[in-house]
């Protein structure tokens, strides 16, 4: 989920990530960008959606699609651009069980949250439930609940943005106990070139828990 994209009256928009994009992206990671992009909605309730095709699905340093391509979709419902709920779906590949069965092939994430703003500061608070329908997980339930808290701010006429997120789970993936992740991301948005708005982004994070793993990524994106 991405983890921290609103349409006013339209139902959905689609974005195809470039061949080198790897990290999961999420509408709820960056609500302030949507506000500036689409302006004020005509209704208190708005719908948003996005789709992406990635060379692989990587999340906080973990490869969730066995370094193979992943297709992802996301749908969100917003109320007054502050409160939201949504669902995210992606294919995953955790390998095979002892009898050749897939450990997991689909991820479905459900979430609710609110994202207030104070001046130039944007905040994001959410509860997510990551599930893996049909998973073969005898060693521990793959599904888990996570609490997100985030803050972001833009600089240099909104061209440069810093975002800090904390993710905490009381019982993480495969029932491995408490887990906490701190993640810092930076995005520089260049001037629009034809139909494209080039962006240079990077992320640095650290995870504490039985499945802890330091993660560093530098995805580069050129969305439409």
Protein backbone atom coordinates (compact mmCIF):
# COMPACT_ATOMS: atom_id res chain seq x y z
CA UNK A 1 0.00 0.00 0.00
CA UNK A 2 0.70 2.28 -1.05
CA UNK A 3 0.98 2.09 1.41
CA UNK A 4 0.89 7.28 1.39
CA UNK A 5 -4.57 10.29 -6.70
CA UNK A 6 -8.98 12.39 -6.46
CA UNK A 7 -11.31 12.65 -9.39
CA UNK A 8 -14.12 15.13 -9.02
CA UNK A 9 -16.91 13.56 -11.02
CA UNK A 10 -15.08 10.82 -12.89
CA UNK A 11 -15.00 7.27 -11.62
CA UNK A 12 -11.45 6.16 -12.40
CA UNK A 13 -8.20 6.99 -14.10
CA UNK A 14 -5.44 4.67 -15.16
CA UNK A 15 -1.67 5.04 -15.08
CA UNK A 16 0.78 2.57 -16.57
CA UNK A 17 4.07 2.62 -14.73
CA UNK A 18 7.31 2.52 -16.75
CA UNK A 19 9.28 -0.71 -17.09
CA UNK A 20 11.62 0.11 -14.24
CA UNK A 21 8.98 1.04 -11.64
CA UNK A 22 8.93 -1.46 -8.78
CA UNK A 23 7.41 -0.05 -5.61
CA UNK A 24 3.71 -0.24 -4.89
CA UNK A 25 2.04 3.15 -5.15
CA UNK A 26 -1.14 4.16 -3.40
CA UNK A 27 -3.74 6.89 -3.57
CA UNK A 28 -3.76 7.29 0.18
CA UNK A 29 -0.02 7.95 0.32
CA UNK A 30 -0.39 11.38 -1.27
CA UNK A 31 -3.79 13.04 -0.91
CA UNK A 32 -2.38 16.57 -1.03
CA UNK A 33 -1.12 16.04 -4.57
CA UNK A 34 -4.62 15.09 -5.63
CA UNK A 35 -6.13 18.16 -4.06
CA UNK A 36 -3.79 20.42 -6.01
CA UNK A 37 -4.23 18.44 -9.23
CA UNK A 38 -8.01 18.19 -9.32
CA UNK A 39 -9.04 21.20 -7.28
CA UNK A 40 -12.16 21.32 -5.15
CA UNK A 41 -14.76 18.61 -5.82
CA UNK A 42 -18.34 19.40 -6.84
CA UNK A 43 -19.65 16.95 -4.26
CA UNK A 44 -18.73 16.04 -0.70
CA UNK A 45 -18.36 12.43 -1.88
CA UNK A 46 -15.89 11.57 -4.63
CA UNK A 47 -14.58 8.39 -6.17
CA UNK A 48 -11.06 7.71 -7.38
CA UNK A 49 -9.28 4.79 -8.97
CA UNK A 50 -5.96 3.89 -10.50
CA UNK A 51 -4.22 0.99 -12.14
CA UNK A 52 -0.56 0.11 -12.63
CA UNK A 53 1.58 -2.52 -14.29
CA UNK A 54 4.98 -3.03 -12.62
CA UNK A 55 8.03 -5.07 -13.56
CA UNK A 56 7.82 -6.45 -10.00
CA UNK A 57 5.92 -5.79 -6.77
CA UNK A 58 8.31 -4.71 -4.01
CA UNK A 59 7.10 -3.45 -0.65
CA UNK A 60 9.49 -2.06 1.99
CA UNK A 61 12.40 -4.05 0.62
CA UNK A 62 10.51 -7.33 0.19
CA UNK A 63 9.85 -8.80 -3.28
CA UNK A 64 6.20 -9.91 -3.20
CA UNK A 65 5.90 -11.09 -6.80
CA UNK A 66 9.07 -13.21 -7.00
CA UNK A 67 10.68 -10.49 -9.16
CA UNK A 68 7.97 -11.00 -11.79
CA UNK A 69 5.50 -8.45 -13.28
CA UNK A 70 2.53 -7.36 -11.19
CA UNK A 71 -0.81 -5.79 -12.10
CA UNK A 72 -2.46 -3.59 -9.47
CA UNK A 73 -5.76 -1.73 -9.11
CA UNK A 74 -7.09 0.56 -6.41
CA UNK A 75 -10.47 2.19 -5.75
CA UNK A 76 -11.15 4.87 -3.14
CA UNK A 77 -14.15 6.69 -1.72
CA UNK A 78 -13.54 10.15 -0.23
CA UNK A 79 -15.74 12.33 1.93
CA UNK A 80 -14.90 16.05 1.89
CA UNK A 81 -11.36 15.15 0.76
CA UNK A 82 -10.46 14.29 4.37
CA UNK A 83 -12.09 10.97 5.21
CA UNK A 84 -11.58 7.99 2.95
CA UNK A 85 -11.97 4.25 2.53
CA UNK A 86 -10.68 1.99 -0.20
CA UNK A 87 -9.46 -1.32 -1.53
CA UNK A 88 -6.18 -2.28 -3.21
CA UNK A 89 -5.51 -5.48 -5.18
CA UNK A 90 -2.36 -7.01 -6.66
CA UNK A 91 -1.06 -10.37 -7.77
CA UNK A 92 1.68 -11.83 -5.55
CA UNK A 93 3.93 -14.87 -5.64
CA UNK A 94 5.22 -16.37 -2.38
CA UNK A 95 6.38 -19.62 -3.96
CA UNK A 96 4.95 -23.12 -3.50
CA UNK A 97 4.01 -25.29 -0.55
CA UNK A 98 5.18 -28.87 0.14
CA UNK A 99 2.66 -30.30 -2.31
CA UNK A 100 3.19 -27.73 -5.03
CA UNK A 101 0.27 -25.50 -4.06
CA UNK A 102 0.67 -21.70 -4.29
CA UNK A 103 1.32 -20.12 -0.92
CA UNK A 104 -0.43 -16.95 -2.08
CA UNK A 105 -1.37 -15.49 -5.45
CA UNK A 106 -3.58 -12.48 -4.61
CA UNK A 107 -3.33 -9.61 -2.14
CA UNK A 108 -6.40 -7.58 -1.14
CA UNK A 109 -5.97 -4.61 1.19
CA UNK A 110 -8.83 -2.72 2.85
CA UNK A 111 -8.35 0.61 4.60
CA UNK A 112 -10.06 3.59 6.23
CA UNK A 113 -8.53 6.85 7.34
CA UNK A 114 -8.54 10.62 7.43
CA UNK A 115 -6.05 13.16 6.10
CA UNK A 116 -6.30 16.68 7.56
CA UNK A 117 -4.12 19.62 6.54
CA UNK A 118 -2.70 22.40 8.71
CA UNK A 119 -1.19 25.18 6.65
CA UNK A 120 1.36 23.60 4.33
CA UNK A 121 1.52 20.43 6.41
CA UNK A 122 -0.49 17.36 5.40
CA UNK A 123 -1.24 14.52 7.81
CA UNK A 124 -2.51 11.01 7.17
CA UNK A 125 -3.92 8.51 9.67
CA UNK A 126 -5.24 5.13 8.57
CA UNK A 127 -5.99 1.56 9.57
CA UNK A 128 -5.35 -1.12 6.93
CA UNK A 129 -6.14 -4.80 6.71
CA UNK A 130 -3.89 -6.71 4.31
CA UNK A 131 -5.33 -10.08 3.26
CA UNK A 132 -4.32 -12.94 0.97
CA UNK A 133 -7.50 -14.82 -0.09
CA UNK A 134 -7.01 -18.54 -0.67
CA UNK A 135 -3.49 -18.51 0.78
CA UNK A 136 -1.88 -21.69 2.07
CA UNK A 137 -0.46 -20.46 5.37
CA UNK A 138 -0.36 -23.29 7.95
CA UNK A 139 2.64 -21.73 9.68
CA UNK A 140 0.76 -18.52 10.51
CA UNK A 141 -1.97 -16.35 9.06
CA UNK A 142 -0.54 -14.10 6.32
CA UNK A 143 -3.22 -11.44 6.89
CA UNK A 144 -2.52 -8.60 9.31
CA UNK A 145 -3.75 -5.23 10.55
CA UNK A 146 -1.56 -2.13 10.38
CA UNK A 147 -1.86 1.44 11.67
CA UNK A 148 -0.44 4.22 9.48
CA UNK A 149 0.58 7.72 10.60
CA UNK A 150 2.15 10.13 8.16
CA UNK A 151 3.14 13.75 7.62
CA UNK A 152 4.30 15.56 4.49
CA UNK A 153 5.27 19.01 3.29
CA UNK A 154 6.13 20.56 -0.06
CA UNK A 155 8.88 23.07 -0.83
CA UNK A 156 10.14 25.15 -3.78
CA UNK A 157 6.70 26.01 -5.17
CA UNK A 158 5.48 22.45 -4.53
CA UNK A 159 8.15 20.93 -6.78
CA UNK A 160 9.88 19.07 -3.93
CA UNK A 161 7.98 17.01 -1.39
CA UNK A 162 9.11 15.14 1.73
CA UNK A 163 6.91 12.51 3.37
CA UNK A 164 7.48 10.59 6.59
CA UNK A 165 5.34 7.53 7.39
CA UNK A 166 5.23 5.16 10.34
CA UNK A 167 3.55 1.75 10.01
CA UNK A 168 2.82 -0.35 13.10
CA UNK A 169 1.25 -3.79 13.37
CA UNK A 170 0.46 -5.62 16.62
CA UNK A 171 0.68 -8.98 14.81
CA UNK A 172 2.50 -8.81 11.50
CA UNK A 173 2.59 -11.07 8.44
CA UNK A 174 2.44 -14.82 9.21
CA UNK A 175 1.84 -14.09 12.90
CA UNK A 176 5.45 -13.01 13.46
CA UNK A 177 4.62 -10.60 16.28
CA UNK A 178 4.74 -6.80 16.52
CA UNK A 179 6.34 -4.93 13.64
CA UNK A 180 7.14 -1.28 13.02
CA UNK A 181 8.42 0.50 9.91
CA UNK A 182 9.66 4.07 9.49
CA UNK A 183 9.87 5.34 5.92
CA UNK A 184 11.05 8.63 4.45
CA UNK A 185 10.35 9.49 0.81
CA UNK A 186 11.29 12.44 -1.39
CA UNK A 187 9.80 13.43 -4.75
CA UNK A 188 10.93 16.13 -7.19
CA UNK A 189 8.36 17.02 -9.85
CA UNK A 190 9.72 18.48 -13.08
CA UNK A 191 7.87 20.74 -15.49
CA UNK A 192 5.41 19.02 -17.77
CA UNK A 193 6.86 17.73 -21.04
CA UNK A 194 4.20 17.20 -23.68
CA UNK A 195 1.68 14.83 -22.02
CA UNK A 196 4.08 13.72 -19.29
CA UNK A 197 5.07 15.09 -15.89
CA UNK A 198 8.48 13.55 -15.04
CA UNK A 199 9.18 12.80 -11.37
CA UNK A 200 12.33 11.72 -9.58
CA UNK A 201 11.69 9.90 -6.30
CA UNK A 202 13.52 7.95 -3.66
CA UNK A 203 12.66 6.14 -0.43
CA UNK A 204 14.64 5.14 2.63
CA UNK A 205 13.22 3.05 5.43
CA UNK A 206 13.91 0.69 8.30
CA UNK A 207 11.80 -2.07 9.78
CA UNK A 208 11.84 -3.49 13.31
CA UNK A 209 10.43 -6.92 14.11
CA UNK A 210 11.01 -10.61 13.49
CA UNK A 211 10.79 -9.97 9.76
CA UNK A 212 12.82 -6.77 10.05
CA UNK A 213 14.86 -5.72 7.06
CA UNK A 214 16.39 -2.40 6.17
CA UNK A 215 15.07 -1.21 2.83
CA UNK A 216 16.33 1.38 0.41
CA UNK A 217 14.75 2.06 -2.96
CA UNK A 218 15.11 4.71 -5.61
CA UNK A 219 12.19 4.28 -8.02
CA UNK A 220 11.95 6.75 -10.89
CA UNK A 221 8.60 7.44 -12.46
CA UNK A 222 7.29 9.25 -15.51
CA UNK A 223 3.51 9.16 -15.05
CA UNK A 224 1.17 10.60 -17.68
